Amino acid sequence: MTFSKTTPLRLVLLTVALALATPASAIPAFARKYTTSCLTCHTVYPKLTPFGEAFRRNGYMFPGVDSDVIKAEQIPMGQEANKKTFPETAWPSSIPASVPLSVGANGKAVFTPSKTSSAGVASNGTKFTLQDLTPEAHIWAGASVDDNITLWAELTFSGAADVEHAQILFNNLLGPKHAVNLIVGHGFPNVTQYGPHSSYLGDAMLPTMPVTAIYRPADLGADPWTLVDNYTGMEVNGVIGGRFDYALGLNAGKTPGSGLSVPTDNFYGRIGFKVGGMRLDGEGSSGAADATRPWAEDAFGVYAFGYQSHSRVDPSAVAAGLTTFGDTANVIGLGARGTYGSAELNLGAYSQKHNHASDTEGKVTGTVTFGELSYVVYPWLVPAVRVEHFGLKPDGGDSISNTLIQPGVAFLIRPNVKLVTVFNYERTNGFPTTGGWMGGASDFGQHVSTAPASGATKLSEFETVGFFLAWAN
């Protein structure tokens, strides 16, 4: 194994599972564009209401004719009459009179009750961890070019600048309205039926597990492929009949290592349907069934997805002495969302099978299941409980698992300022107890590569209380 003894695998899993410093995906620029409140599309942002989800699926455009509901001043880029003389003249469009930018930041404070817990040991016995109160700042841009084309971008600053999104969305390309859309650029693959940041308590509704980084950190560094991340590519998606939706995508995935990157390609697809409540595209609706509770509906939706990724180590990394390998991961997953009034339940599971994930070029299977139950008491107050379960099974080795139970409450201090409090309880199965909770990562390596270490057992701990604060303007 190539683990550092100072980086236990369990800490890797805990860090991934508790990555709750939620990027504020809400875009106040859209509120200014339509002269409306953020609560038109959100409860505790970035969680979307049914109308907000329809707005997102429609390429960040209102149902109907988008330009009919724009209230902010627009500057025409050409005259409507130019449409009649196309292609002799450029097709007209428009730009906002004001710059369509929003800014924001997010961070967290963590309270660790026990110095002897794994979280306490990892934080050197610090009770209150405050250095991440303002780790990220964001600049968002969102604007429509016309009734069928939208621009969307996000720049995140966290020590260095990172382009998380830079996309152009072409809507209503063929057939019935919303049936065929195209997204080109850098952003999330739409492997779920809902927005990726649709959890009240976590960063993403769909938890991810970096299997190759767990087994091969020297080869893959700190940025391995995971199921939901920012990738460059293109996606065709759409809504058919208001109740069925699909997505088909191709993206560049990840090319770990330093120096020249190695081209690679990933493929994915998703299908789903929804019964009851607002249509997936929001068409034919005058708004929420209850205007005082725009989040509430009685509905059920289900989706299935498949994904194939390829990871390659670049030549410069191989020249530096790292192992040459190519890993292919095949992922199959299911998810569902049920709503009854103000109550919502999300469930899902997927399996990712890697053919060369371990440092011995062995096969590894990772499984992830999750659920989140929430109830909107008020649009600014949402208690919820979230459960995530991670399993790892190397070929010819022993299985381990990690379960996280996270009750919490999401608050809106104001429509664009939020505070989320999350309690983190963890239970593991199959981790050796040598050297504390699980010992060094080398202990885990011995465990999964050969036989369980002496004393391996099930252990449970109350880890931390997290306080997550974010604002957007």
Protein backbone atom coordinates (compact mmCIF):
# COMPACT_ATOMS: atom_id res chain seq x y z
CA MET A 1 0.00 0.00 0.00
CA THR A 2 1.05 3.58 -0.64
CA PHE A 3 -0.84 5.21 2.23
CA SER A 4 0.92 7.66 4.47
CA LYS A 5 0.76 6.51 8.07
CA THR A 6 -0.41 9.98 9.03
CA THR A 7 -3.44 9.77 6.74
CA PRO A 8 -5.80 7.03 7.93
CA LEU A 9 -8.31 5.78 5.38
CA ARG A 10 -11.10 6.32 7.85
CA LEU A 11 -10.17 9.98 8.00
CA VAL A 12 -10.32 10.11 4.21
CA LEU A 13 -13.84 8.67 4.26
CA LEU A 14 -14.87 10.98 7.08
CA THR A 15 -13.53 14.02 5.24
CA VAL A 16 -15.40 13.10 2.08
CA ALA A 17 -18.62 12.26 3.85
CA LEU A 18 -18.59 15.42 5.98
CA ALA A 19 -17.71 17.85 3.20
CA LEU A 20 -20.57 20.10 4.20
CA ALA A 21 -19.09 23.53 3.46
CA THR A 22 -21.85 23.97 0.93
CA PRO A 23 -21.13 26.15 -2.10
CA ALA A 24 -23.93 28.67 -2.35
CA SER A 25 -25.34 27.65 -5.71
CA ALA A 26 -28.17 30.15 -5.53
CA ILE A 27 -27.70 33.03 -7.96
CA PRO A 28 -29.01 36.40 -6.73
CA ALA A 29 -28.35 37.66 -10.28
CA PHE A 30 -31.45 35.69 -11.32
CA ALA A 31 -33.51 37.35 -8.57
CA ARG A 32 -32.44 40.73 -9.94
CA LYS A 33 -33.17 39.64 -13.51
CA TYR A 34 -36.81 38.79 -12.71
CA THR A 35 -37.17 41.27 -9.78
CA THR A 36 -38.25 38.50 -7.45
CA SER A 37 -37.19 36.97 -4.14
CA CYS A 38 -34.73 34.09 -3.88
CA LEU A 39 -37.64 32.23 -2.24
CA THR A 40 -39.35 32.00 -5.63
CA CYS A 41 -37.03 29.10 -6.42
CA HIS A 42 -35.54 28.13 -3.04
CA THR A 43 -36.31 27.26 0.53
CA VAL A 44 -32.99 27.22 2.42
CA TYR A 45 -30.75 27.71 -0.60
CA PRO A 46 -29.38 26.02 -2.61
CA LYS A 47 -32.30 23.61 -2.05
CA LEU A 48 -34.84 24.19 -4.82
CA THR A 49 -38.62 24.23 -4.75
CA PRO A 50 -40.48 22.33 -7.52
CA PHE A 51 -40.63 25.57 -9.52
CA GLY A 52 -36.92 26.14 -8.93
CA GLU A 53 -36.16 22.65 -10.23
CA ALA A 54 -38.21 23.36 -13.36
CA PHE A 55 -36.29 26.63 -13.81
CA ARG A 56 -32.99 24.72 -13.59
CA ARG A 57 -34.10 21.98 -16.01
CA ASN A 58 -35.26 24.61 -18.48
CA GLY A 59 -31.73 25.97 -18.73
CA TYR A 60 -32.25 28.65 -16.04
CA MET A 61 -35.34 30.03 -17.78
CA PHE A 62 -38.92 30.50 -16.65
CA PRO A 63 -41.60 28.20 -18.09
CA GLY A 64 -43.49 29.78 -20.96
CA VAL A 65 -41.63 32.57 -22.77
CA ASP A 66 -38.73 33.64 -20.58
CA SER A 67 -38.42 37.17 -21.95
CA ASP A 68 -42.06 37.88 -21.00
CA VAL A 69 -41.19 37.74 -17.28
CA ILE A 70 -37.79 39.48 -17.31
CA LYS A 71 -38.10 42.73 -15.35
CA ALA A 72 -34.50 43.99 -15.41
CA GLU A 73 -33.51 46.31 -18.23
CA GLN A 74 -32.03 44.53 -21.28
CA ILE A 75 -29.88 45.98 -24.05
CA PRO A 76 -30.79 44.61 -27.50
CA MET A 77 -27.91 43.27 -29.58
CA GLY A 78 -29.53 43.88 -32.93
CA GLN A 79 -33.12 44.41 -34.04
CA GLU A 80 -35.92 41.83 -34.17
CA ALA A 81 -36.22 42.57 -37.87
CA ASN A 82 -32.78 40.99 -38.34
CA LYS A 83 -34.38 37.58 -37.92
CA LYS A 84 -36.11 38.06 -41.28
CA THR A 85 -32.83 38.81 -43.09
CA PHE A 86 -30.76 36.02 -41.45
CA PRO A 87 -28.17 34.78 -42.57
CA GLU A 88 -27.34 38.09 -44.20
CA THR A 89 -27.40 39.67 -40.73
CA ALA A 90 -26.52 38.27 -37.31
CA TRP A 91 -29.36 36.76 -35.31
CA PRO A 92 -30.31 39.31 -32.60
CA SER A 93 -29.93 38.78 -28.87
CA SER A 94 -29.71 40.88 -25.72
CA ILE A 95 -27.51 41.47 -22.69
CA PRO A 96 -28.48 42.77 -19.24
CA ALA A 97 -28.06 46.51 -18.72
CA SER A 98 -26.34 45.72 -15.40
CA VAL A 99 -23.49 43.22 -15.01
CA PRO A 100 -25.15 39.86 -14.13
CA LEU A 101 -22.75 38.96 -11.32
CA SER A 102 -23.30 37.72 -7.76
CA VAL A 103 -20.80 37.22 -4.96
CA GLY A 104 -20.78 35.08 -1.85
CA ALA A 105 -18.79 33.10 0.68
CA ASN A 106 -19.16 30.04 2.87
CA GLY A 107 -17.34 28.46 5.78
CA LYS A 108 -17.70 26.31 8.87
CA ALA A 109 -16.86 26.00 12.54
CA VAL A 110 -16.57 22.56 14.14
CA PHE A 111 -17.04 21.53 17.77
CA THR A 112 -15.42 18.22 18.78
CA PRO A 113 -16.82 16.93 22.10
CA SER A 114 -14.15 14.29 22.75
CA LYS A 115 -10.40 14.71 22.36
CA THR A 116 -9.99 10.92 22.17
CA SER A 117 -12.42 10.41 19.30
CA SER A 118 -10.96 10.02 15.82
CA ALA A 119 -12.11 13.54 14.96
CA GLY A 120 -10.51 14.79 18.17
CA VAL A 121 -7.23 13.05 17.40
CA ALA A 122 -7.27 14.40 13.83
CA SER A 123 -7.74 17.95 15.17
CA ASN A 124 -4.97 17.53 17.78
CA GLY A 125 -7.47 17.76 20.61
CA THR A 126 -8.87 21.12 19.50
CA LYS A 127 -12.40 21.61 20.82
CA PHE A 128 -13.40 24.45 18.49
CA THR A 129 -11.94 24.42 14.98
CA LEU A 130 -12.32 27.91 13.52
CA GLN A 131 -9.71 28.20 10.78
CA ASP A 132 -12.30 27.30 8.11
CA LEU A 133 -14.77 30.07 8.93
CA THR A 134 -14.13 31.72 5.55
CA PRO A 135 -12.31 29.19 3.34
CA GLU A 136 -14.20 29.92 0.12
CA ALA A 137 -15.46 32.93 -1.79
CA HIS A 138 -17.44 32.82 -5.02
CA ILE A 139 -18.31 34.90 -8.04
CA TRP A 140 -21.31 33.71 -10.07
CA ALA A 141 -22.56 34.86 -13.44
CA GLY A 142 -25.91 34.01 -14.96
CA ALA A 143 -27.63 35.63 -17.92
CA SER A 144 -29.81 34.78 -20.91
CA VAL A 145 -28.77 35.64 -24.47
CA ASP A 146 -32.31 35.12 -25.81
CA ASP A 147 -35.28 32.86 -25.09
CA ASN A 148 -33.24 29.72 -25.88
CA ILE A 149 -29.64 30.37 -24.81
CA THR A 150 -28.29 30.90 -21.29
CA LEU A 151 -24.80 31.54 -19.90
CA TRP A 152 -23.77 30.24 -16.48
CA ALA A 153 -20.42 30.42 -14.64
CA GLU A 154 -18.94 30.08 -11.16
CA LEU A 155 -15.46 31.08 -9.99
CA THR A 156 -14.38 29.86 -6.54
CA PHE A 157 -11.49 31.28 -4.54
CA SER A 158 -9.95 29.00 -1.94
CA GLY A 159 -6.24 29.76 -1.81
CA ALA A 160 -6.32 29.74 -5.61
CA ALA A 161 -8.99 30.50 -8.18
CA ASP A 162 -10.93 27.55 -9.60
CA VAL A 163 -13.43 27.66 -12.45
CA GLU A 164 -16.16 25.36 -11.15
CA HIS A 165 -18.67 26.18 -13.89
CA ALA A 166 -18.43 27.78 -17.30
CA GLN A 167 -21.32 26.64 -19.46
CA ILE A 168 -23.49 27.72 -22.34
CA LEU A 169 -26.95 26.14 -22.41
CA PHE A 170 -28.82 25.73 -25.71
CA ASN A 171 -32.48 25.03 -25.04
CA ASN A 172 -35.34 23.74 -27.21
CA LEU A 173 -33.15 22.61 -30.10
CA LEU A 174 -35.50 20.05 -31.63
CA GLY A 175 -39.04 18.74 -31.35
CA PRO A 176 -41.46 19.74 -28.61
CA LYS A 177 -40.45 22.40 -26.13
CA HIS A 178 -37.85 21.20 -23.56
CA ALA A 179 -37.42 17.86 -25.35
CA VAL A 180 -33.83 18.41 -26.56
CA ASN A 181 -31.36 20.73 -24.83
CA LEU A 182 -27.56 20.91 -25.04
CA ILE A 183 -25.09 21.97 -22.32
CA VAL A 184 -21.48 22.65 -23.35
CA GLY A 185 -18.64 23.58 -20.99
CA HIS A 186 -17.44 22.85 -17.47
CA GLY A 187 -19.87 21.72 -14.76
CA PHE A 188 -21.68 18.86 -13.05
CA PRO A 189 -22.99 15.78 -14.89
CA ASN A 190 -26.75 15.51 -14.33
CA VAL A 191 -26.86 11.94 -13.03
CA THR A 192 -29.76 12.68 -10.68
CA GLN A 193 -33.21 13.99 -11.50
CA TYR A 194 -32.68 16.99 -9.23
CA GLY A 195 -30.05 19.66 -8.72
CA PRO A 196 -26.74 18.32 -7.39
CA HIS A 197 -26.87 20.61 -4.33
CA SER A 198 -30.38 19.57 -3.30
CA SER A 199 -29.51 18.49 0.25
CA TYR A 200 -30.38 20.56 3.30
CA LEU A 201 -27.50 19.14 5.36
CA GLY A 202 -24.78 18.17 2.86
CA ASP A 203 -22.93 19.66 -0.06
CA ALA A 204 -24.58 17.29 -2.53
CA MET A 205 -27.58 14.99 -2.28
CA LEU A 206 -25.53 12.22 -3.90
CA PRO A 207 -22.51 11.37 -1.67
CA THR A 208 -19.30 10.39 -3.43
CA MET A 209 -16.42 8.08 -2.53
CA PRO A 210 -12.93 8.52 -4.12
CA VAL A 211 -12.05 4.83 -4.32
CA THR A 212 -8.86 5.23 -6.35
CA ALA A 213 -7.51 7.97 -4.07
CA ILE A 214 -8.13 5.78 -1.03
CA TYR A 215 -5.97 3.00 -2.47
CA ARG A 216 -3.52 4.98 -4.62
CA PRO A 217 -2.95 8.48 -3.19
CA ALA A 218 0.59 8.72 -4.61
CA ASP A 219 -0.65 8.09 -8.15
CA LEU A 220 -3.83 10.12 -8.00
CA GLY A 221 -3.01 12.96 -5.62
CA ALA A 222 -5.78 14.86 -3.92
CA ASP A 223 -8.09 15.18 -6.93
CA PRO A 224 -9.33 11.75 -8.09
CA TRP A 225 -12.40 10.98 -10.17
CA THR A 226 -15.66 10.87 -8.24
CA LEU A 227 -19.19 10.43 -9.49
CA VAL A 228 -20.25 14.07 -9.01
CA ASP A 229 -17.61 16.70 -9.69
CA ASN A 230 -16.89 19.51 -12.14
CA TYR A 231 -15.92 18.10 -15.54
CA THR A 232 -15.51 19.56 -19.00
CA GLY A 233 -17.79 18.11 -21.64
CA MET A 234 -21.23 18.22 -23.19
CA GLU A 235 -24.65 16.86 -22.29
CA VAL A 236 -27.91 16.41 -24.14
CA ASN A 237 -30.94 16.39 -21.86
CA GLY A 238 -34.64 17.08 -21.91
CA VAL A 239 -38.13 16.63 -20.53
CA ILE A 240 -40.74 14.74 -22.53
CA GLY A 241 -44.42 15.20 -21.84
CA GLY A 242 -43.61 17.05 -18.65
CA ARG A 243 -43.20 13.79 -16.70
CA PHE A 244 -40.22 11.92 -18.22
CA ASP A 245 -36.68 13.24 -18.32
CA TYR A 246 -33.32 12.03 -19.57
CA ALA A 247 -29.65 13.03 -19.88
CA LEU A 248 -26.80 11.70 -22.03
CA GLY A 249 -23.30 13.05 -21.52
CA LEU A 250 -19.66 12.84 -22.52
CA ASN A 251 -16.95 14.52 -20.46
CA ALA A 252 -13.18 14.57 -20.02
CA GLY A 253 -13.15 13.09 -16.52
CA LYS A 254 -9.88 13.36 -14.58
CA THR A 255 -6.26 12.95 -15.66
CA PRO A 256 -4.32 12.80 -12.36
CA GLY A 257 -0.66 13.52 -11.91
CA SER A 258 1.55 16.46 -12.81
CA GLY A 259 2.76 17.68 -16.18
CA LEU A 260 1.13 16.77 -19.49
CA SER A 261 -2.36 15.37 -19.12
CA VAL A 262 -3.56 12.24 -20.87
CA PRO A 263 -6.81 12.59 -22.83
CA THR A 264 -9.65 10.44 -21.56
CA ASP A 265 -13.39 10.26 -21.94
CA ASN A 266 -16.30 9.41 -19.66
CA PHE A 267 -19.84 8.47 -20.64
CA TYR A 268 -23.07 8.61 -18.64
CA GLY A 269 -26.83 8.46 -19.03
CA ARG A 270 -29.92 8.91 -16.89
CA ILE A 271 -33.67 8.34 -17.26
CA GLY A 272 -36.47 9.19 -14.85
CA PHE A 273 -40.11 10.10 -14.38
CA LYS A 274 -42.29 11.97 -11.92
CA VAL A 275 -45.95 11.50 -10.99
CA GLY A 276 -48.04 14.07 -9.16
CA GLY A 277 -47.11 17.62 -8.27
CA MET A 278 -45.70 20.16 -10.70
CA ARG A 279 -44.50 18.97 -14.09
CA LEU A 280 -40.73 18.55 -14.44
CA ASP A 281 -40.64 21.49 -16.86
CA GLY A 282 -43.14 23.62 -14.92
CA GLU A 283 -45.27 24.20 -18.01
CA GLY A 284 -49.03 24.57 -17.75
CA SER A 285 -48.75 25.61 -14.13
CA SER A 286 -49.80 28.90 -12.58
CA GLY A 287 -47.43 28.24 -9.69
CA ALA A 288 -47.42 26.19 -6.51
CA ALA A 289 -50.66 24.54 -5.41
CA ASP A 290 -50.42 26.57 -2.19
CA ALA A 291 -48.86 30.01 -2.75
CA THR A 292 -47.99 30.26 0.94
CA ARG A 293 -46.03 26.96 0.74
CA PRO A 294 -44.31 26.93 -2.69
CA TRP A 295 -42.17 23.95 -1.66
CA ALA A 296 -45.12 21.68 -0.87
CA GLU A 297 -46.54 19.08 -3.25
CA ASP A 298 -47.68 15.47 -3.28
CA ALA A 299 -45.42 13.74 -5.78
CA PHE A 300 -43.08 10.84 -6.44
CA GLY A 301 -40.10 10.69 -8.78
CA VAL A 302 -37.61 7.94 -9.59
CA TYR A 303 -34.49 7.84 -11.76
CA ALA A 304 -31.74 5.42 -12.81
CA PHE A 305 -28.27 6.19 -14.14
CA GLY A 306 -25.15 4.58 -15.50
CA TYR A 307 -21.64 6.02 -15.76
CA GLN A 308 -18.31 4.78 -17.10
CA SER A 309 -15.14 6.66 -16.19
CA HIS A 310 -11.52 6.20 -17.26
CA SER A 311 -8.59 7.47 -15.19
CA ARG A 312 -5.06 7.69 -16.56
CA VAL A 313 -1.73 8.68 -15.02
CA ASP A 314 0.17 11.08 -17.29
CA PRO A 315 3.67 10.36 -18.67
CA SER A 316 5.46 12.83 -16.39
CA ALA A 317 4.01 11.09 -13.33
CA VAL A 318 5.20 7.72 -14.63
CA ALA A 319 8.65 9.18 -15.29
CA ALA A 320 8.73 10.32 -11.66
CA GLY A 321 8.47 6.70 -10.58
CA LEU A 322 4.74 6.33 -9.99
CA THR A 323 2.96 3.17 -11.04
CA THR A 324 1.58 3.08 -14.56
CA PHE A 325 -2.06 2.16 -14.52
CA GLY A 326 -5.40 2.78 -16.14
CA ASP A 327 -8.55 2.40 -14.08
CA THR A 328 -12.05 2.02 -15.50
CA ALA A 329 -15.02 2.42 -13.19
CA ASN A 330 -18.52 1.25 -14.09
CA VAL A 331 -21.30 2.78 -12.02
CA ILE A 332 -24.98 1.84 -11.81
CA GLY A 333 -27.39 3.66 -9.52
CA LEU A 334 -31.01 4.32 -8.57
CA GLY A 335 -32.67 7.18 -6.74
CA ALA A 336 -36.11 8.34 -5.68
CA ARG A 337 -37.80 11.35 -4.14
CA GLY A 338 -41.18 11.36 -2.45
CA THR A 339 -42.93 14.47 -1.16
CA TYR A 340 -46.08 14.74 0.91
CA GLY A 341 -46.91 18.34 1.62
CA SER A 342 -43.94 19.83 3.46
CA ALA A 343 -42.26 16.46 4.07
CA GLU A 344 -39.65 15.12 1.66
CA LEU A 345 -37.76 11.82 1.54
CA ASN A 346 -34.78 11.22 -0.77
CA LEU A 347 -33.31 7.72 -1.18
CA GLY A 348 -30.61 6.35 -3.44
CA ALA A 349 -27.86 3.81 -3.94
CA TYR A 350 -25.13 3.03 -6.44
CA SER A 351 -22.25 0.64 -7.01
CA GLN A 352 -18.95 1.62 -8.62
CA LYS A 353 -16.72 -1.21 -9.79
CA HIS A 354 -13.07 -0.34 -10.53
CA ASN A 355 -10.93 -2.76 -12.51
CA HIS A 356 -7.51 -1.39 -11.38
CA ALA A 357 -8.16 0.64 -8.25
CA SER A 358 -5.64 -0.83 -5.82
CA ASP A 359 -1.85 -0.45 -5.89
CA THR A 360 -1.65 -4.13 -6.84
CA GLU A 361 -3.80 -3.40 -9.93
CA GLY A 362 -6.66 -5.28 -8.28
CA LYS A 363 -10.40 -4.82 -8.60
CA VAL A 364 -12.32 -2.86 -5.97
CA THR A 365 -16.05 -2.38 -5.55
CA GLY A 366 -17.42 0.61 -3.70
CA THR A 367 -21.07 0.91 -2.69
CA VAL A 368 -22.87 4.03 -1.50
CA THR A 369 -26.40 4.31 -0.11
CA PHE A 370 -28.03 7.43 1.26
CA GLY A 371 -31.27 8.88 2.54
CA GLU A 372 -32.44 12.29 3.72
CA LEU A 373 -35.74 13.09 5.41
CA SER A 374 -36.71 16.74 5.83
CA TYR A 375 -39.72 18.81 6.84
CA VAL A 376 -40.17 22.46 5.95
CA VAL A 377 -41.63 24.01 9.10
CA TYR A 378 -41.21 27.49 7.63
CA PRO A 379 -39.36 28.53 4.47
CA TRP A 380 -36.51 29.61 6.77
CA LEU A 381 -36.55 26.62 9.18
CA VAL A 382 -36.01 23.03 8.03
CA PRO A 383 -35.08 20.17 10.39
CA ALA A 384 -33.70 17.10 8.65
CA VAL A 385 -31.82 13.87 9.20
CA ARG A 386 -29.38 12.37 6.72
CA VAL A 387 -27.84 8.87 6.61
CA GLU A 388 -24.94 7.79 4.39
CA HIS A 389 -23.39 4.33 4.15
CA PHE A 390 -20.09 3.55 2.40
CA GLY A 391 -18.76 0.08 1.67
CA LEU A 392 -15.44 -1.09 0.16
CA LYS A 393 -14.64 -4.59 -1.06
CA PRO A 394 -11.28 -5.28 -2.78
CA ASP A 395 -11.04 -8.38 -4.95
CA GLY A 396 -9.85 -11.21 -2.71
CA GLY A 397 -9.89 -9.01 0.39
CA ASP A 398 -12.25 -8.19 3.24
CA SER A 399 -15.06 -5.68 3.29
CA ILE A 400 -15.18 -2.58 5.44
CA SER A 401 -18.02 -0.10 5.88
CA ASN A 402 -18.65 3.33 7.30
CA THR A 403 -22.07 4.72 8.28
CA LEU A 404 -22.82 8.36 9.03
CA ILE A 405 -25.97 9.54 10.78
CA GLN A 406 -26.47 13.30 10.61
CA PRO A 407 -29.44 15.05 12.21
CA GLY A 408 -29.45 18.80 11.75
CA VAL A 409 -31.35 22.01 11.15
CA ALA A 410 -31.08 24.45 8.24
CA PHE A 411 -31.92 28.12 8.94
CA LEU A 412 -32.31 31.15 6.72
CA ILE A 413 -31.20 34.16 8.75
CA ARG A 414 -32.29 36.19 5.73
CA PRO A 415 -33.25 34.89 2.25
CA ASN A 416 -29.59 35.12 1.18
CA VAL A 417 -27.86 34.26 4.49
CA LYS A 418 -28.02 30.76 5.96
CA LEU A 419 -26.79 28.74 8.93
CA VAL A 420 -26.81 24.94 9.00
CA THR A 421 -26.11 22.96 12.18
CA VAL A 422 -25.25 19.27 11.76
CA PHE A 423 -24.51 16.58 14.39
CA ASN A 424 -22.25 13.81 13.09
CA TYR A 425 -22.46 10.28 14.45
CA GLU A 426 -20.33 7.55 12.85
CA ARG A 427 -20.25 3.76 12.91
CA THR A 428 -17.58 1.61 11.27
CA ASN A 429 -17.30 -2.11 10.65
CA GLY A 430 -14.07 -3.94 9.80
CA PHE A 431 -11.52 -1.30 10.79
CA PRO A 432 -8.67 -2.58 12.99
CA THR A 433 -8.35 -1.03 16.45
CA THR A 434 -4.55 -1.06 16.54
CA GLY A 435 -3.12 2.31 17.52
CA GLY A 436 -6.42 3.92 18.52
CA TRP A 437 -9.66 3.95 16.58
CA MET A 438 -8.22 2.32 13.50
CA GLY A 439 -4.49 2.86 13.66
CA GLY A 440 -2.52 4.19 10.71
CA ALA A 441 -3.53 3.69 7.12
CA SER A 442 -0.93 0.94 6.84
CA ASP A 443 -3.07 -1.08 9.27
CA PHE A 444 -6.03 -0.68 6.96
CA GLY A 445 -3.88 -1.70 4.02
CA GLN A 446 -2.88 -4.92 5.76
CA HIS A 447 -6.50 -5.53 6.65
CA VAL A 448 -7.93 -5.28 3.17
CA SER A 449 -4.96 -6.94 1.47
CA THR A 450 -4.74 -10.02 3.64
CA ALA A 451 -6.83 -10.94 6.67
CA PRO A 452 -8.60 -8.79 9.27
CA ALA A 453 -6.21 -7.41 11.85
CA SER A 454 -6.48 -8.79 15.33
CA GLY A 455 -9.16 -6.90 17.22
CA ALA A 456 -11.03 -5.67 14.17
CA THR A 457 -14.55 -4.85 15.29
CA LYS A 458 -17.55 -2.59 15.01
CA LEU A 459 -17.08 0.80 16.62
CA SER A 460 -19.34 3.82 17.05
CA GLU A 461 -18.63 7.44 17.97
CA PHE A 462 -20.27 10.83 18.20
CA GLU A 463 -17.78 12.83 16.18
CA THR A 464 -18.55 16.53 15.79
CA VAL A 465 -21.09 19.31 15.65
CA GLY A 466 -20.67 21.39 12.52
CA PHE A 467 -21.88 24.97 12.02
CA PHE A 468 -21.98 26.03 8.37
CA LEU A 469 -22.54 29.64 7.40
CA ALA A 470 -22.96 30.98 3.85
CA TRP A 471 -24.18 34.15 2.17
CA ALA A 472 -24.79 35.28 -1.38
CA ASN A 473 -25.53 38.72 -2.81
